[in-house]
C-alpha cells in the first residue's frame, strides 16, 4: 500500500507540475470517493486510482503533444 501511495503522489505531482490545467480533474475523479458499501481503502482501489491517473495523463498528452 505504501508503494502505491508513493506512485500516486508522484504522478499527481507530475500532473500538477507539467499540466496544471488537469488539476481540476483530480478532485472530480469518482475513484477518489469511497464506495458507501465498501468505505475502506484497499490495494485494489489504490491501484485503480493510480491507473486512472496514468490514463488521464496519457490521454491528455496524446491529445496535446508538445
N, C-alpha and C. Protein backbone atom coordinates (compact mmCIF):
# COMPACT_ATOMS: atom_id res chain seq x y z
N UNK A 1 0.83 -1.19 0.00
CA UNK A 1 0.00 0.00 0.00
C UNK A 1 0.88 1.26 0.00
N UNK A 2 2.00 1.20 0.69
CA UNK A 2 2.91 2.36 0.75
C UNK A 2 3.45 2.69 -0.64
N UNK A 3 3.82 1.67 -1.38
CA UNK A 3 4.35 1.88 -2.73
C UNK A 3 3.31 2.52 -3.63
N UNK A 4 2.08 2.05 -3.55
CA UNK A 4 1.00 2.63 -4.36
C UNK A 4 0.77 4.09 -3.99
N UNK A 5 0.79 4.39 -2.71
CA UNK A 5 0.62 5.78 -2.28
C UNK A 5 1.76 6.66 -2.81
N UNK A 6 2.97 6.13 -2.82
CA UNK A 6 4.11 6.89 -3.35
C UNK A 6 3.96 7.11 -4.85
N UNK A 7 3.49 6.10 -5.57
CA UNK A 7 3.28 6.23 -7.01
C UNK A 7 2.17 7.23 -7.32
N UNK A 8 1.11 7.20 -6.51
CA UNK A 8 0.01 8.15 -6.69
C UNK A 8 0.50 9.57 -6.43
N UNK A 9 1.27 9.75 -5.38
CA UNK A 9 1.82 11.08 -5.08
C UNK A 9 2.72 11.56 -6.22
N UNK A 10 3.57 10.69 -6.72
CA UNK A 10 4.49 11.08 -7.79
C UNK A 10 3.75 11.48 -9.05
N UNK A 11 2.76 10.71 -9.46
CA UNK A 11 2.06 11.05 -10.70
C UNK A 11 1.17 12.29 -10.50
N UNK A 12 0.64 12.45 -9.30
CA UNK A 12 -0.16 13.64 -9.01
C UNK A 12 0.72 14.89 -9.10
N UNK A 13 1.91 14.83 -8.52
CA UNK A 13 2.83 15.97 -8.60
C UNK A 13 3.25 16.23 -10.04
N UNK A 14 3.48 15.18 -10.81
CA UNK A 14 3.84 15.33 -12.21
C UNK A 14 2.72 16.03 -12.98
N UNK A 15 1.50 15.60 -12.75
CA UNK A 15 0.35 16.23 -13.41
C UNK A 15 0.26 17.70 -13.02
N UNK A 16 0.40 18.00 -11.75
CA UNK A 16 0.29 19.39 -11.29
C UNK A 16 1.42 20.26 -11.81
N UNK A 17 2.62 19.70 -11.96
CA UNK A 17 3.76 20.48 -12.46
C UNK A 17 3.73 20.63 -13.97
N UNK A 18 3.48 19.54 -14.68
CA UNK A 18 3.54 19.53 -16.14
C UNK A 18 2.27 20.05 -16.80
N UNK A 19 1.14 19.73 -16.21
CA UNK A 19 -0.16 20.08 -16.79
C UNK A 19 -1.11 20.57 -15.70
N UNK A 20 -0.85 21.73 -15.13
CA UNK A 20 -1.69 22.20 -14.02
C UNK A 20 -3.16 22.35 -14.41
N UNK A 21 -3.42 22.48 -15.71
CA UNK A 21 -4.81 22.59 -16.16
C UNK A 21 -5.61 21.31 -15.87
N UNK A 22 -4.93 20.20 -15.62
CA UNK A 22 -5.61 18.95 -15.29
C UNK A 22 -5.92 18.82 -13.81
N UNK A 23 -5.38 19.68 -13.00
CA UNK A 23 -5.56 19.58 -11.54
C UNK A 23 -7.03 19.55 -11.14
N UNK A 24 -7.85 20.28 -11.87
CA UNK A 24 -9.28 20.31 -11.53
C UNK A 24 -9.92 18.93 -11.67
N UNK A 25 -9.40 18.10 -12.56
CA UNK A 25 -9.96 16.77 -12.75
C UNK A 25 -9.57 15.81 -11.63
N UNK A 26 -8.49 16.09 -10.93
CA UNK A 26 -8.05 15.21 -9.85
C UNK A 26 -9.09 15.14 -8.75
N UNK A 27 -9.74 16.24 -8.47
CA UNK A 27 -10.75 16.27 -7.42
C UNK A 27 -12.08 15.69 -7.86
N UNK A 28 -12.30 15.64 -9.18
CA UNK A 28 -13.57 15.18 -9.72
C UNK A 28 -13.60 13.69 -10.02
N UNK A 29 -12.49 13.00 -9.88
CA UNK A 29 -12.41 11.60 -10.25
C UNK A 29 -13.21 10.76 -9.25
N UNK A 30 -14.19 10.01 -9.73
CA UNK A 30 -15.04 9.22 -8.82
C UNK A 30 -14.28 8.15 -8.06
N UNK A 31 -13.14 7.75 -8.55
CA UNK A 31 -12.34 6.73 -7.88
C UNK A 31 -11.88 7.20 -6.51
N UNK A 32 -11.77 8.51 -6.33
CA UNK A 32 -11.28 9.04 -5.06
C UNK A 32 -12.34 9.02 -3.96
N UNK A 33 -13.58 8.77 -4.33
CA UNK A 33 -14.68 8.77 -3.36
C UNK A 33 -14.96 7.32 -2.95
N UNK A 34 -14.75 6.97 -1.69
CA UNK A 34 -15.01 5.59 -1.28
C UNK A 34 -16.46 5.19 -1.51
N UNK A 35 -16.66 3.96 -1.88
CA UNK A 35 -17.99 3.40 -2.06
C UNK A 35 -18.67 3.31 -0.70
N UNK A 36 -19.93 3.68 -0.65
CA UNK A 36 -20.67 3.64 0.61
C UNK A 36 -20.69 2.23 1.18
N UNK A 37 -20.81 1.23 0.31
CA UNK A 37 -20.85 -0.15 0.78
C UNK A 37 -19.47 -0.68 1.17
N UNK A 38 -18.40 -0.09 0.64
CA UNK A 38 -17.04 -0.51 0.91
C UNK A 38 -16.16 0.73 1.16
N UNK A 39 -16.36 1.39 2.30
CA UNK A 39 -15.64 2.65 2.54
C UNK A 39 -14.15 2.49 2.80
N UNK A 40 -13.68 1.28 3.02
CA UNK A 40 -12.28 1.06 3.32
C UNK A 40 -11.44 1.16 2.04
N UNK A 41 -10.32 1.84 2.14
CA UNK A 41 -9.39 1.95 1.02
C UNK A 41 -8.47 0.73 1.06
N UNK A 42 -8.38 0.03 -0.09
CA UNK A 42 -7.52 -1.15 -0.15
C UNK A 42 -6.57 -1.03 -1.35
N UNK A 43 -5.73 -2.03 -1.51
CA UNK A 43 -4.74 -2.03 -2.59
C UNK A 43 -5.40 -1.94 -3.96
N UNK A 44 -6.50 -2.67 -4.14
CA UNK A 44 -7.18 -2.66 -5.44
C UNK A 44 -7.71 -1.27 -5.77
N UNK A 45 -8.29 -0.61 -4.81
CA UNK A 45 -8.81 0.74 -5.02
C UNK A 45 -7.67 1.70 -5.36
N UNK A 46 -6.57 1.60 -4.62
CA UNK A 46 -5.43 2.47 -4.90
C UNK A 46 -4.84 2.18 -6.27
N UNK A 47 -4.76 0.92 -6.65
CA UNK A 47 -4.24 0.56 -7.97
C UNK A 47 -5.14 1.11 -9.07
N UNK A 48 -6.45 1.01 -8.88
CA UNK A 48 -7.39 1.55 -9.86
C UNK A 48 -7.26 3.07 -9.97
N UNK A 49 -7.09 3.73 -8.83
CA UNK A 49 -6.91 5.18 -8.84
C UNK A 49 -5.62 5.57 -9.54
N UNK A 50 -4.55 4.86 -9.24
CA UNK A 50 -3.28 5.13 -9.90
C UNK A 50 -3.40 4.93 -11.40
N UNK A 51 -4.06 3.86 -11.82
CA UNK A 51 -4.24 3.60 -13.24
C UNK A 51 -5.08 4.69 -13.89
N UNK A 52 -6.08 5.19 -13.19
CA UNK A 52 -6.91 6.26 -13.76
C UNK A 52 -6.09 7.55 -13.93
N UNK A 53 -5.16 7.80 -13.01
CA UNK A 53 -4.28 8.96 -13.16
C UNK A 53 -3.35 8.78 -14.36
N UNK A 54 -2.82 7.59 -14.51
CA UNK A 54 -1.95 7.30 -15.66
C UNK A 54 -2.72 7.48 -16.96
N UNK A 55 -3.94 6.98 -17.00
CA UNK A 55 -4.78 7.10 -18.20
C UNK A 55 -5.08 8.55 -18.51
N UNK A 56 -5.41 9.32 -17.48
CA UNK A 56 -5.70 10.75 -17.67
C UNK A 56 -4.50 11.46 -18.28
N UNK A 57 -3.32 11.21 -17.73
CA UNK A 57 -2.11 11.86 -18.21
C UNK A 57 -1.78 11.42 -19.63
N UNK A 58 -1.86 10.14 -19.89
CA UNK A 58 -1.55 9.61 -21.23
C UNK A 58 -2.50 10.18 -22.28
N UNK A 59 -3.78 10.13 -22.00
CA UNK A 59 -4.76 10.65 -22.96
C UNK A 59 -4.55 12.14 -23.22
N UNK A 60 -4.26 12.89 -22.18
CA UNK A 60 -4.04 14.31 -22.35
C UNK A 60 -2.81 14.58 -23.20
N UNK A 61 -1.74 13.86 -22.93
CA UNK A 61 -0.51 14.09 -23.69
C UNK A 61 -0.63 13.63 -25.15
N UNK A 62 -1.48 12.65 -25.41
CA UNK A 62 -1.74 12.26 -26.81
C UNK A 62 -2.51 13.36 -27.52
N UNK A 63 -3.49 13.92 -26.85
CA UNK A 63 -4.33 14.97 -27.44
C UNK A 63 -3.61 16.31 -27.52
N UNK A 64 -2.62 16.53 -26.66
CA UNK A 64 -1.91 17.82 -26.58
C UNK A 64 -0.40 17.58 -26.63
N UNK A 65 0.10 17.11 -27.76
CA UNK A 65 1.56 16.85 -27.83
C UNK A 65 2.35 18.14 -27.73
N UNK A 66 3.57 18.02 -27.30
CA UNK A 66 4.44 19.21 -27.16
C UNK A 66 4.85 19.73 -28.51
